[in-house]
Structure formats: C-alpha cells, structure tokens
C-alpha atoms as a PDB file:
ATOM      1  CA  UNK A   1     123.283 177.079 113.217  1.00  0.00           C
ATOM      2  CA  UNK A   2     122.490 173.515 114.091  1.00  0.00           C
ATOM      3  CA  UNK A   3     119.750 174.702 116.448  1.00  0.00           C
ATOM      4  CA  UNK A   4     118.157 176.811 113.748  1.00  0.00           C
ATOM      5  CA  UNK A   5     118.268 173.932 111.351  1.00  0.00           C
ATOM      6  CA  UNK A   6     116.645 171.680 113.967  1.00  0.00           C
ATOM      7  CA  UNK A   7     113.778 174.074 114.506  1.00  0.00           C
ATOM      8  CA  UNK A   8     113.307 174.528 110.821  1.00  0.00           C
ATOM      9  CA  UNK A   9     113.236 170.795 110.307  1.00  0.00           C
ATOM     10  CA  UNK A  10     110.764 170.348 113.158  1.00  0.00           C
ATOM     11  CA  UNK A  11     108.496 173.037 111.735  1.00  0.00           C
ATOM     12  CA  UNK A  12     108.588 171.373 108.368  1.00  0.00           C
ATOM     13  CA  UNK A  13     107.742 168.028 109.924  1.00  0.00           C
ATOM     14  CA  UNK A  14     104.845 169.521 111.895  1.00  0.00           C
ATOM     15  CA  UNK A  15     103.517 171.184 108.789  1.00  0.00           C
ATOM     16  CA  UNK A  16     103.661 167.916 106.902  1.00  0.00           C
ATOM     17  CA  UNK A  17     101.951 166.096 109.771  1.00  0.00           C
ATOM     18  CA  UNK A  18      99.302 168.783 109.893  1.00  0.00           C
ATOM     19  CA  UNK A  19      98.616 168.386 106.225  1.00  0.00           C
ATOM     20  CA  UNK A  20      98.420 164.624 106.643  1.00  0.00           C
ATOM     21  CA  UNK A  21      96.080 165.036 109.599  1.00  0.00           C
ATOM     22  CA  UNK A  22      93.863 167.414 107.675  1.00  0.00           C
ATOM     23  CA  UNK A  23      93.687 165.056 104.737  1.00  0.00           C
ATOM     24  CA  UNK A  24      92.971 162.181 107.097  1.00  0.00           C
ATOM     25  CA  UNK A  25      90.200 164.198 108.734  1.00  0.00           C
ATOM     26  CA  UNK A  26      88.660 164.883 105.352  1.00  0.00           C
ATOM     27  CA  UNK A  27      88.704 161.167 104.508  1.00  0.00           C
ATOM     28  CA  UNK A  28      87.199 160.354 107.923  1.00  0.00           C
ATOM     29  CA  UNK A  29      84.361 162.799 107.364  1.00  0.00           C
ATOM     30  CA  UNK A  30      83.755 161.405 103.910  1.00  0.00           C
ATOM     31  CA  UNK A  31      83.784 157.873 105.351  1.00  0.00           C
ATOM     32  CA  UNK A  32      81.285 158.766 108.046  1.00  0.00           C
ATOM     33  CA  UNK A  33      79.030 160.623 105.645  1.00  0.00           C
ATOM     34  CA  UNK A  34      79.041 157.694 103.238  1.00  0.00           C
ATOM     35  CA  UNK A  35      77.541 155.534 105.995  1.00  0.00           C
ATOM     36  CA  UNK A  36      74.405 157.635 106.278  1.00  0.00           C
ATOM     37  CA  UNK A  37      71.293 156.038 104.776  1.00  0.00           C
ATOM     38  CA  UNK A  38      67.694 157.203 104.480  1.00  0.00           C
ATOM     39  CA  UNK A  39      64.734 154.932 103.707  1.00  0.00           C
ATOM     40  CA  UNK A  40      61.077 155.834 103.255  1.00  0.00           C
ATOM     41  CA  UNK A  41      58.293 155.170 105.708  1.00  0.00           C
ATOM     42  CA  UNK A  42      57.108 152.011 103.925  1.00  0.00           C
ATOM     43  CA  UNK A  43      60.618 150.614 103.350  1.00  0.00           C
ATOM     44  CA  UNK A  44      62.920 148.454 105.446  1.00  0.00           C
ATOM     45  CA  UNK A  45      66.675 147.942 104.988  1.00  0.00           C
ATOM     46  CA  UNK A  46      68.277 144.646 106.122  1.00  0.00           C
ATOM     47  CA  UNK A  47      71.894 145.104 107.254  1.00  0.00           C
ATOM     48  CA  UNK A  48      74.637 142.475 106.851  1.00  0.00           C
ATOM     49  CA  UNK A  49      77.820 142.993 108.865  1.00  0.00           C
ATOM     50  CA  UNK A  50      80.701 140.983 107.459  1.00  0.00           C
ATOM     51  CA  UNK A  51      78.092 138.741 105.814  1.00  0.00           C
ATOM     52  CA  UNK A  52      75.968 138.169 108.928  1.00  0.00           C
ATOM     53  CA  UNK A  53      72.443 139.477 109.303  1.00  0.00           C
ATOM     54  CA  UNK A  54      72.284 141.925 112.227  1.00  0.00           C
ATOM     55  CA  UNK A  55      68.795 143.395 111.832  1.00  0.00           C
ATOM     56  CA  UNK A  56      66.582 145.836 110.000  1.00  0.00           C
ATOM     57  CA  UNK A  57      67.011 149.560 109.721  1.00  0.00           C
ATOM     58  CA  UNK A  58      64.473 152.229 108.954  1.00  0.00           C
ATOM     59  CA  UNK A  59      62.332 154.015 108.309  1.00  0.00           C
ATOM     60  CA  UNK A  60      64.093 157.365 108.333  1.00  0.00           C
ATOM     61  CA  UNK A  61      67.783 158.183 108.914  1.00  0.00           C
ATOM     62  CA  UNK A  62      70.317 155.602 110.142  1.00  0.00           C
ATOM     63  CA  UNK A  63      74.051 154.881 109.943  1.00  0.00           C
ATOM     64  CA  UNK A  64      76.081 151.871 108.791  1.00  0.00           C
ATOM     65  CA  UNK A  65      79.796 151.205 108.686  1.00  0.00           C
ATOM     66  CA  UNK A  66      80.924 151.495 105.049  1.00  0.00           C
ATOM     67  CA  UNK A  67      82.972 148.535 103.908  1.00  0.00           C
ATOM     68  CA  UNK A  68      81.818 146.466 106.908  1.00  0.00           C
ATOM     69  CA  UNK A  69      78.051 146.740 106.740  1.00  0.00           C
ATOM     70  CA  UNK A  70      76.091 146.113 103.552  1.00  0.00           C
ATOM     71  CA  UNK A  71      72.459 146.526 102.533  1.00  0.00           C
ATOM     72  CA  UNK A  72      71.655 143.863  99.896  1.00  0.00           C
ATOM     73  CA  UNK A  73      68.190 145.233  98.993  1.00  0.00           C
ATOM     74  CA  UNK A  74      65.367 147.475 100.128  1.00  0.00           C
ATOM     75  CA  UNK A  75      62.108 145.755 101.091  1.00  0.00           C
ATOM     76  CA  UNK A  76      58.781 147.505 100.496  1.00  0.00           C
ATOM     77  CA  UNK A  77      55.992 146.705 102.952  1.00  0.00           C
ATOM     78  CA  UNK A  78      53.251 148.158 100.746  1.00  0.00           C
ATOM     79  CA  UNK A  79      50.845 146.032  98.694  1.00  0.00           C
ATOM     80  CA  UNK A  80      52.409 145.086  95.380  1.00  0.00           C
ATOM     81  CA  UNK A  81      50.644 143.984  92.204  1.00  0.00           C
ATOM     82  CA  UNK A  82      51.608 141.594  89.470  1.00  0.00           C
ATOM     83  CA  UNK A  83      49.693 141.027  86.228  1.00  0.00           C
ATOM     84  CA  UNK A  84      50.201 137.648  84.570  1.00  0.00           C
ATOM     85  CA  UNK A  85      48.621 135.275  82.060  1.00  0.00           C
ATOM     86  CA  UNK A  86      48.483 131.531  81.556  1.00  0.00           C
ATOM     87  CA  UNK A  87      49.222 130.946  77.890  1.00  0.00           C
ATOM     88  CA  UNK A  88      46.992 128.222  76.373  1.00  0.00           C
ATOM     89  CA  UNK A  89      46.289 126.246  79.533  1.00  0.00           C
ATOM     90  CA  UNK A  90      44.129 123.144  79.133  1.00  0.00           C
ATOM     91  CA  UNK A  91      41.029 122.734  81.250  1.00  0.00           C
ATOM     92  CA  UNK A  92      39.862 119.390  82.588  1.00  0.00           C
ATOM     93  CA  UNK A  93      37.720 118.892  79.478  1.00  0.00           C
ATOM     94  CA  UNK A  94      40.761 119.605  77.227  1.00  0.00           C
ATOM     95  CA  UNK A  95      39.759 123.101  76.106  1.00  0.00           C
ATOM     96  CA  UNK A  96      42.666 125.544  75.572  1.00  0.00           C
ATOM     97  CA  UNK A  97      42.097 128.854  77.364  1.00  0.00           C
ATOM     98  CA  UNK A  98      44.176 131.908  78.243  1.00  0.00           C
ATOM     99  CA  UNK A  99      43.437 133.486  81.609  1.00  0.00           C
ATOM    100  CA  UNK A 100      44.506 137.004  82.569  1.00  0.00           C
ATOM    101  CA  UNK A 101      44.835 137.569  86.310  1.00  0.00           C
ATOM    102  CA  UNK A 102      46.193 140.100  88.800  1.00  0.00           C
ATOM    103  CA  UNK A 103      47.975 139.146  92.021  1.00  0.00           C
ATOM    104  CA  UNK A 104      48.032 141.417  95.097  1.00  0.00           C
ATOM    105  CA  UNK A 105      50.614 140.588  97.763  1.00  0.00           C
ATOM    106  CA  UNK A 106      52.694 142.218 100.492  1.00  0.00           C
ATOM    107  CA  UNK A 107      55.656 141.426 102.745  1.00  0.00           C
ATOM    108  CA  UNK A 108      54.544 140.781 106.331  1.00  0.00           C
ATOM    109  CA  UNK A 109      57.734 139.222 107.753  1.00  0.00           C
ATOM    110  CA  UNK A 110      60.779 141.048 106.385  1.00  0.00           C
ATOM    111  CA  UNK A 111      63.329 138.796 108.058  1.00  0.00           C
ATOM    112  CA  UNK A 112      61.861 135.681 106.440  1.00  0.00           C
ATOM    113  CA  UNK A 113      61.714 137.417 103.094  1.00  0.00           C
ATOM    114  CA  UNK A 114      65.424 138.309 103.342  1.00  0.00           C
ATOM    115  CA  UNK A 115      66.701 135.015 104.691  1.00  0.00           C
ATOM    116  CA  UNK A 116      64.430 132.468 102.992  1.00  0.00           C
ATOM    117  CA  UNK A 117      64.094 133.554  99.366  1.00  0.00           C
ATOM    118  CA  UNK A 118      66.167 135.411  96.807  1.00  0.00           C
ATOM    119  CA  UNK A 119      64.280 137.963  94.693  1.00  0.00           C
ATOM    120  CA  UNK A 120      61.011 137.452  96.508  1.00  0.00           C
ATOM    121  CA  UNK A 121      58.957 139.380  93.915  1.00  0.00           C
ATOM    122  CA  UNK A 122      60.088 137.190  91.008  1.00  0.00           C
ATOM    123  CA  UNK A 123      59.596 134.031  93.087  1.00  0.00           C
ATOM    124  CA  UNK A 124      56.034 135.057  93.957  1.00  0.00           C
ATOM    125  CA  UNK A 125      55.264 135.783  90.319  1.00  0.00           C
ATOM    126  CA  UNK A 126      56.485 132.382  89.159  1.00  0.00           C
ATOM    127  CA  UNK A 127      54.486 130.637  91.872  1.00  0.00           C
ATOM    128  CA  UNK A 128      51.362 132.522  90.758  1.00  0.00           C
ATOM    129  CA  UNK A 129      51.807 131.493  87.118  1.00  0.00           C
ATOM    130  CA  UNK A 130      52.352 127.808  87.861  1.00  0.00           C
ATOM    131  CA  UNK A 131      49.449 127.743  90.307  1.00  0.00           C
ATOM    132  CA  UNK A 132      47.138 129.296  87.718  1.00  0.00           C
ATOM    133  CA  UNK A 133      47.983 126.530  85.266  1.00  0.00           C
ATOM    134  CA  UNK A 134      47.432 123.946  87.989  1.00  0.00           C
ATOM    135  CA  UNK A 135      44.029 125.338  88.948  1.00  0.00           C
ATOM    136  CA  UNK A 136      42.944 125.658  85.301  1.00  0.00           C
ATOM    137  CA  UNK A 137      43.672 121.980  84.691  1.00  0.00           C
ATOM    138  CA  UNK A 138      41.395 120.973  87.578  1.00  0.00           C
ATOM    139  CA  UNK A 139      38.197 122.647  86.360  1.00  0.00           C
ATOM    140  CA  UNK A 140      36.059 122.526  83.238  1.00  0.00           C
ATOM    141  CA  UNK A 141      35.428 125.386  80.860  1.00  0.00           C
ATOM    142  CA  UNK A 142      31.925 126.076  82.192  1.00  0.00           C
ATOM    143  CA  UNK A 143      33.330 126.489  85.705  1.00  0.00           C
ATOM    144  CA  UNK A 144      36.032 128.848  84.435  1.00  0.00           C
ATOM    145  CA  UNK A 145      33.422 131.032  82.738  1.00  0.00           C
ATOM    146  CA  UNK A 146      30.805 130.939  85.498  1.00  0.00           C
ATOM    147  CA  UNK A 147      32.766 130.632  88.778  1.00  0.00           C
ATOM    148  CA  UNK A 148      35.636 133.085  88.417  1.00  0.00           C
ATOM    149  CA  UNK A 149      35.448 134.223  92.024  1.00  0.00           C
ATOM    150  CA  UNK A 150      35.566 130.655  93.301  1.00  0.00           C
ATOM    151  CA  UNK A 151      38.603 129.817  91.144  1.00  0.00           C
ATOM    152  CA  UNK A 152      40.369 133.041  92.160  1.00  0.00           C
ATOM    153  CA  UNK A 153      39.760 132.325  95.847  1.00  0.00           C
ATOM    154  CA  UNK A 154      41.057 128.773  95.497  1.00  0.00           C
ATOM    155  CA  UNK A 155      44.137 130.047  93.707  1.00  0.00           C
ATOM    156  CA  UNK A 156      44.725 132.640  96.442  1.00  0.00           C
ATOM    157  CA  UNK A 157      44.724 129.919  99.088  1.00  0.00           C
ATOM    158  CA  UNK A 158      47.226 127.789  97.154  1.00  0.00           C
ATOM    159  CA  UNK A 159      49.660 130.633  96.446  1.00  0.00           C
ATOM    160  CA  UNK A 160      49.385 131.936 100.003  1.00  0.00           C
ATOM    161  CA  UNK A 161      50.200 128.486 101.369  1.00  0.00           C
ATOM    162  CA  UNK A 162      53.341 128.329  99.210  1.00  0.00           C
ATOM    163  CA  UNK A 163      54.582 131.838 100.036  1.00  0.00           C
ATOM    164  CA  UNK A 164      53.764 131.762 103.739  1.00  0.00           C
ATOM    165  CA  UNK A 165      57.210 130.462 104.662  1.00  0.00           C
ATOM    166  CA  UNK A 166      58.745 133.372 102.734  1.00  0.00           C
ATOM    167  CA  UNK A 167      56.959 135.947 104.889  1.00  0.00           C
ATOM    168  CA  UNK A 168      54.678 137.006 102.011  1.00  0.00           C
ATOM    169  CA  UNK A 169      50.920 137.343 102.353  1.00  0.00           C
ATOM    170  CA  UNK A 170      48.668 136.998  99.285  1.00  0.00           C
ATOM    171  CA  UNK A 171      45.940 139.616  99.625  1.00  0.00           C
ATOM    172  CA  UNK A 172      43.794 138.523  96.684  1.00  0.00           C
ATOM    173  CA  UNK A 173      43.769 137.150  93.159  1.00  0.00           C
ATOM    174  CA  UNK A 174      41.489 138.718  90.547  1.00  0.00           C
ATOM    175  CA  UNK A 175      40.697 137.105  87.169  1.00  0.00           C
ATOM    176  CA  UNK A 176      40.354 139.853  84.578  1.00  0.00           C
ATOM    177  CA  UNK A 177      39.575 137.934  81.402  1.00  0.00           C
ATOM    178  CA  UNK A 178      39.186 134.440  79.998  1.00  0.00           C
ATOM    179  CA  UNK A 179      40.090 134.081  76.327  1.00  0.00           C
ATOM    180  CA  UNK A 180      38.822 131.028  74.418  1.00  0.00           C
ATOM    181  CA  UNK A 181      39.351 130.112  70.730  1.00  0.00           C
ATOM    182  CA  UNK A 182      37.128 131.808  68.167  1.00  0.00           C
ATOM    183  CA  UNK A 183      35.383 128.633  67.014  1.00  0.00           C
ATOM    184  CA  UNK A 184      34.550 127.811  70.604  1.00  0.00           C
ATOM    185  CA  UNK A 185      33.151 131.294  71.175  1.00  0.00           C
ATOM    186  CA  UNK A 186      30.673 130.699  68.350  1.00  0.00           C
ATOM    187  CA  UNK A 187      29.602 127.404  69.906  1.00  0.00           C
ATOM    188  CA  UNK A 188      29.158 129.059  73.304  1.00  0.00           C
ATOM    189  CA  UNK A 189      27.113 131.817  71.679  1.00  0.00           C
ATOM    190  CA  UNK A 190      24.839 129.299  69.960  1.00  0.00           C
ATOM    191  CA  UNK A 191      24.430 127.393  73.206  1.00  0.00           C
ATOM    192  CA  UNK A 192      23.487 130.572  75.080  1.00  0.00           C
ATOM    193  CA  UNK A 193      21.009 131.509  72.352  1.00  0.00           C
ATOM    194  CA  UNK A 194      19.409 128.052  72.489  1.00  0.00           C
ATOM    195  CA  UNK A 195      19.164 128.287  76.260  1.00  0.00           C
ATOM    196  CA  UNK A 196      17.432 131.672  76.059  1.00  0.00           C
ATOM    197  CA  UNK A 197      15.003 130.313  73.456  1.00  0.00           C
ATOM    198  CA  UNK A 198      14.243 127.324  75.665  1.00  0.00           C
ATOM    199  CA  UNK A 199      13.479 129.599  78.598  1.00  0.00           C
ATOM    200  CA  UNK A 200      11.281 131.794  76.409  1.00  0.00           C
ATOM    201  CA  UNK A 201       9.259 128.802  75.235  1.00  0.00           C
ATOM    202  CA  UNK A 202       8.861 127.527  78.784  1.00  0.00           C
ATOM    203  CA  UNK A 203       7.685 130.963  79.895  1.00  0.00           C
ATOM    204  CA  UNK A 204       5.221 131.167  76.990  1.00  0.00           C
ATOM    205  CA  UNK A 205       3.844 127.696  77.745  1.00  0.00           C
ATOM    206  CA  UNK A 206       3.439 128.601  81.397  1.00  0.00           C
ATOM    207  CA  UNK A 207       1.596 131.776  80.409  1.00  0.00           C
ATOM    208  CA  UNK A 208      -0.701 129.812  78.087  1.00  0.00           C
ATOM    209  CA  UNK A 209      -1.411 127.373  80.888  1.00  0.00           C
ATOM    210  CA  UNK A 210      -2.269 130.136  83.345  1.00  0.00           C
ATOM    211  CA  UNK A 211      -4.446 131.870  80.730  1.00  0.00           C
ATOM    212  CA  UNK A 212      -6.307 128.629  79.999  1.00  0.00           C
ATOM    213  CA  UNK A 213      -6.946 128.078  83.705  1.00  0.00           C
ATOM    214  CA  UNK A 214      -8.235 131.633  83.989  1.00  0.00           C
ATOM    215  CA  UNK A 215     -10.571 131.126  81.021  1.00  0.00           C
ATOM    216  CA  UNK A 216     -11.918 127.906  82.526  1.00  0.00           C
ATOM    217  CA  UNK A 217     -12.663 129.664  85.816  1.00  0.00           C
ATOM    218  CA  UNK A 218     -14.295 132.564  83.981  1.00  0.00           C
ATOM    219  CA  UNK A 219     -16.427 130.178  81.903  1.00  0.00           C
ATOM    220  CA  UNK A 220     -17.607 128.413  85.050  1.00  0.00           C
ATOM    221  CA  UNK A 221     -18.640 131.728  86.590  1.00  0.00           C
ATOM    222  CA  UNK A 222     -20.389 132.859  83.389  1.00  0.00           C
ATOM    223  CA  UNK A 223     -22.271 129.552  83.301  1.00  0.00           C
ATOM    224  CA  UNK A 224     -23.691 130.169  86.763  1.00  0.00           C
ATOM    225  CA  UNK A 225     -24.390 133.889  86.218  1.00  0.00           C
ATOM    226  CA  UNK A 226     -26.203 134.840  82.975  1.00  0.00           C
ATOM    227  CA  UNK A 227     -26.110 138.527  83.886  1.00  0.00           C
ATOM    228  CA  UNK A 228     -22.318 138.434  84.091  1.00  0.00           C
ATOM    229  CA  UNK A 229     -22.234 136.882  80.621  1.00  0.00           C
ATOM    230  CA  UNK A 230     -24.489 139.650  79.285  1.00  0.00           C
ATOM    231  CA  UNK A 231     -22.232 142.339  80.796  1.00  0.00           C
ATOM    232  CA  UNK A 232     -19.223 140.666  79.258  1.00  0.00           C
ATOM    233  CA  UNK A 233     -20.877 140.790  75.825  1.00  0.00           C
ATOM    234  CA  UNK A 234     -21.570 144.485  76.322  1.00  0.00           C
ATOM    235  CA  UNK A 235     -17.955 145.122  77.240  1.00  0.00           C
ATOM    236  CA  UNK A 236     -16.661 143.244  74.192  1.00  0.00           C
ATOM    237  CA  UNK A 237     -18.980 145.207  71.939  1.00  0.00           C
ATOM    238  CA  UNK A 238     -17.854 148.503  73.488  1.00  0.00           C
ATOM    239  CA  UNK A 239     -14.183 147.640  72.992  1.00  0.00           C
ATOM    240  CA  UNK A 240     -14.758 146.624  69.382  1.00  0.00           C
ATOM    241  CA  UNK A 241     -16.568 149.901  68.720  1.00  0.00           C
ATOM    242  CA  UNK A 242     -14.045 152.219  70.381  1.00  0.00           C
ATOM    243  CA  UNK A 243     -10.752 150.608  69.337  1.00  0.00           C
ATOM    244  CA  UNK A 244      -9.477 150.863  65.787  1.00  0.00           C
ATOM    245  CA  UNK A 245     -12.144 153.301  64.575  1.00  0.00           C
ATOM    246  CA  UNK A 246     -14.481 150.575  63.294  1.00  0.00           C
ATOM    247  CA  UNK A 247     -17.655 151.790  61.599  1.00  0.00           C
ATOM    248  CA  UNK A 248     -19.180 148.450  60.635  1.00  0.00           C
ATOM    249  CA  UNK A 249     -19.843 145.788  63.261  1.00  0.00           C
ATOM    250  CA  UNK A 250     -20.842 142.184  62.634  1.00  0.00           C
ATOM    251  CA  UNK A 251     -22.935 140.938  65.535  1.00  0.00           C
ATOM    252  CA  UNK A 252     -23.709 137.220  65.920  1.00  0.00           C
ATOM    253  CA  UNK A 253     -27.357 136.207  65.949  1.00  0.00           C
ATOM    254  CA  UNK A 254     -27.139 133.942  69.009  1.00  0.00           C
ATOM    255  CA  UNK A 255     -25.956 136.490  71.539  1.00  0.00           C
ATOM    256  CA  UNK A 256     -27.794 136.999  74.854  1.00  0.00           C
ATOM    257  CA  UNK A 257     -30.291 139.811  75.178  1.00  0.00           C
ATOM    258  CA  UNK A 258     -29.275 142.376  77.778  1.00  0.00           C
ATOM    259  CA  UNK A 259     -32.710 143.606  78.807  1.00  0.00           C
ATOM    260  CA  UNK A 260     -35.541 142.847  81.114  1.00  0.00           C
ATOM    261  CA  UNK A 261     -39.321 142.906  81.069  1.00  0.00           C
ATOM    262  CA  UNK A 262     -41.915 143.495  83.609  1.00  0.00           C
ATOM    263  CA  UNK A 263     -42.081 139.813  84.439  1.00  0.00           C
ATOM    264  CA  UNK A 264     -38.535 139.905  85.693  1.00  0.00           C
ATOM    265  CA  UNK A 265     -39.531 142.353  88.396  1.00  0.00           C
ATOM    266  CA  UNK A 266     -42.620 140.568  89.583  1.00  0.00           C
ATOM    267  CA  UNK A 267     -45.202 141.071  86.832  1.00  0.00           C
ATOM    268  CA  UNK A 268     -46.362 138.829  84.061  1.00  0.00           C
ATOM    269  CA  UNK A 269     -45.305 139.056  80.461  1.00  0.00           C
ATOM    270  CA  UNK A 270     -48.383 140.948  79.505  1.00  0.00           C
ATOM    271  CA  UNK A 271     -48.384 143.562  82.226  1.00  0.00           C
ATOM    272  CA  UNK A 272     -47.208 147.095  81.817  1.00  0.00           C
ATOM    273  CA  UNK A 273     -43.550 147.922  82.335  1.00  0.00           C
ATOM    274  CA  UNK A 274     -40.285 148.569  80.514  1.00  0.00           C
ATOM    275  CA  UNK A 275     -40.088 146.852  77.138  1.00  0.00           C
ATOM    276  CA  UNK A 276     -37.594 143.989  76.882  1.00  0.00           C
ATOM    277  CA  UNK A 277     -35.399 145.841  74.400  1.00  0.00           C
ATOM    278  CA  UNK A 278     -31.764 144.717  74.504  1.00  0.00           C
ATOM    279  CA  UNK A 279     -28.622 146.377  73.379  1.00  0.00           C
ATOM    280  CA  UNK A 280     -27.946 143.687  70.805  1.00  0.00           C
ATOM    281  CA  UNK A 281     -31.463 143.283  69.515  1.00  0.00           C
ATOM    282  CA  UNK A 282     -35.145 143.866  70.090  1.00  0.00           C
ATOM    283  CA  UNK A 283     -37.303 141.221  71.633  1.00  0.00           C
ATOM    284  CA  UNK A 284     -40.888 141.240  70.332  1.00  0.00           C
ATOM    285  CA  UNK A 285     -43.328 142.832  72.765  1.00  0.00           C
ATOM    286  CA  UNK A 286     -46.246 140.540  73.511  1.00  0.00           C
ATOM    287  CA  UNK A 287     -49.686 141.957  72.658  1.00  0.00           C
ATOM    288  CA  UNK A 288     -53.210 140.880  73.641  1.00  0.00           C
ATOM    289  CA  UNK A 289     -55.658 140.157  70.851  1.00  0.00           C
ATOM    290  CA  UNK A 290     -59.191 141.419  71.411  1.00  0.00           C
ATOM    291  CA  UNK A 291     -61.895 138.859  70.632  1.00  0.00           C
ATOM    292  CA  UNK A 292     -63.882 139.604  67.541  1.00  0.00           C
ATOM    293  CA  UNK A 293     -67.539 140.503  68.031  1.00  0.00           C
ATOM    294  CA  UNK A 294     -69.967 138.138  66.337  1.00  0.00           C
ATOM    295  CA  UNK A 295     -71.375 139.454  63.139  1.00  0.00           C
ATOM    296  CA  UNK A 296     -74.998 140.229  62.731  1.00  0.00           C
ATOM    297  CA  UNK A 297     -75.598 141.098  66.277  1.00  0.00           C
END
C-alpha cells in the first residue's frame, strides 16, 4: 500500500514538473522570439547592453537579448529634408524679410549621431533656423534678392561645419522664396521700372548716334558721287509711290536730273544723241538757230 502510494505520488510530481517544464519552455520560446528584430536596408539599429553601446545592427534580421539589450532609436541613412522659415529676419540694411528654405541632410556616421547628440533631426533643424537668421543679418536686401545661390551655399557651409561633429552631412540648402513687406515691394517695382526705362533711353540714344554716324558717312559718299545721289532720289520716289497707295506726289523743284545727253558720252551739247530727259523733269533740248537770209537779195 505504501509502495503504491509512493508511485502515485511520484507520478503526480513528475506530471507537475512536466507541466512546469512545458510552461517554462513556452516562456523561453516567447522570450527568444521577442528578441528578434528586423530593420530595413537603409536603417541602422544601435544596441545598448545594460546601458553600454555595443554596436550597430542591421540591415535585415538580427537578435538581441530582451531585458538586457535595448534599441533606443532607429537611424535612417537616407537623405532627409526639412522645410523651415526665418520669421521677420532683419537684413544688414534693417529691412524685415521672411525667407523660406529647404535643408537636405543625411547621417554619414551613425555612431557619432547616437553618442554625440540627442534627437539629431530636431537639433539639425534648430541649427538651420538660427544659421539662416545669422546669414540674413550679414547681407543687404539686394544681395538676398539677387544672390540666392551664394547665400544658400554660404549657409550650407556654416550648418555643415556645426553638424560635422554629430556625424551629419548637409547635402544642400535651397532658398524657395523671399517675402518682403508690401510697401517695399512697390518701391522695388518702381525701381525696376525706372531701371528698365533708363536702359531703354540709353539704347535709343545709342541707336540715334549710330544712325547719325551712318547718315554722315552716306552724305560724304553722296557728295563725292552725284550719280549715287540721283539713284537715291529715284529710290525715294519709288518708295513714296508704291507705299501707302499715294496718287498725288509733291516733287521739289531743286532735285537732281537723272538723265544724260550726248555730251556726257563724248559729244557736244548740240550733237545728236539721247535727249537729256530726266525722271523728275525735262531739261530743255538745245537747238541751233539758222541765220536769216538778207532781204532783197
């Protein structure tokens, strides 16, 4: 009887131990499964074991010890963007402006980013905003409006110098818009309009000067070549007759005669040849008077 009771008690104890072992196995599996982590290709996971940094994990599948190891954050190595604005910053000539800009940056040294700065994205954004105000105060309004690329490049260098020790690289800074007060926009518009008018007047004066020089040269050539002057008169008359549908023409009396006589080709004025009839007028043809015979002969 005692032996049967012993075996029964032993079986009960083994069954209880088996149940405990099974439950413990389930908890062990759950513990091990809870240590499995997966990060994307562009992500890195820093691991702290009992508060000490032991390295980076990822990309892909890896395992940590739950309760002992901890991942404080996930770091993205892709290029990140941040849009920001400087509210009413004063330029060097005391003009209030608002500048909209976009910052492009990426993490190049993950260990520095984890160990040197907390919330690296927010820190980079604040540095960009303060640097934009600093750069705006060093330039005048005309430089802000005309040299955006130069200001953006200078700002990129300053922000990159500040974030270099955090393991963050500033790719570029782009200025999207510069907002000035309305009254100042009107003044800038009037200034631009006056500048365009000034350039137009200078261009017109230069054209008048070149035209005057051309007329002087043409007059000198016409003075040395009467035939060229006659051809020019013919051309002017032809243009006046063909343009505008004019039917009545007023011709000056002192225009040159575009014709020739026999004397111009080697004969005298009284010899035979083509009559000196011009386009603009008719030159009298010389005639020889016969001597009168004496009367009474």
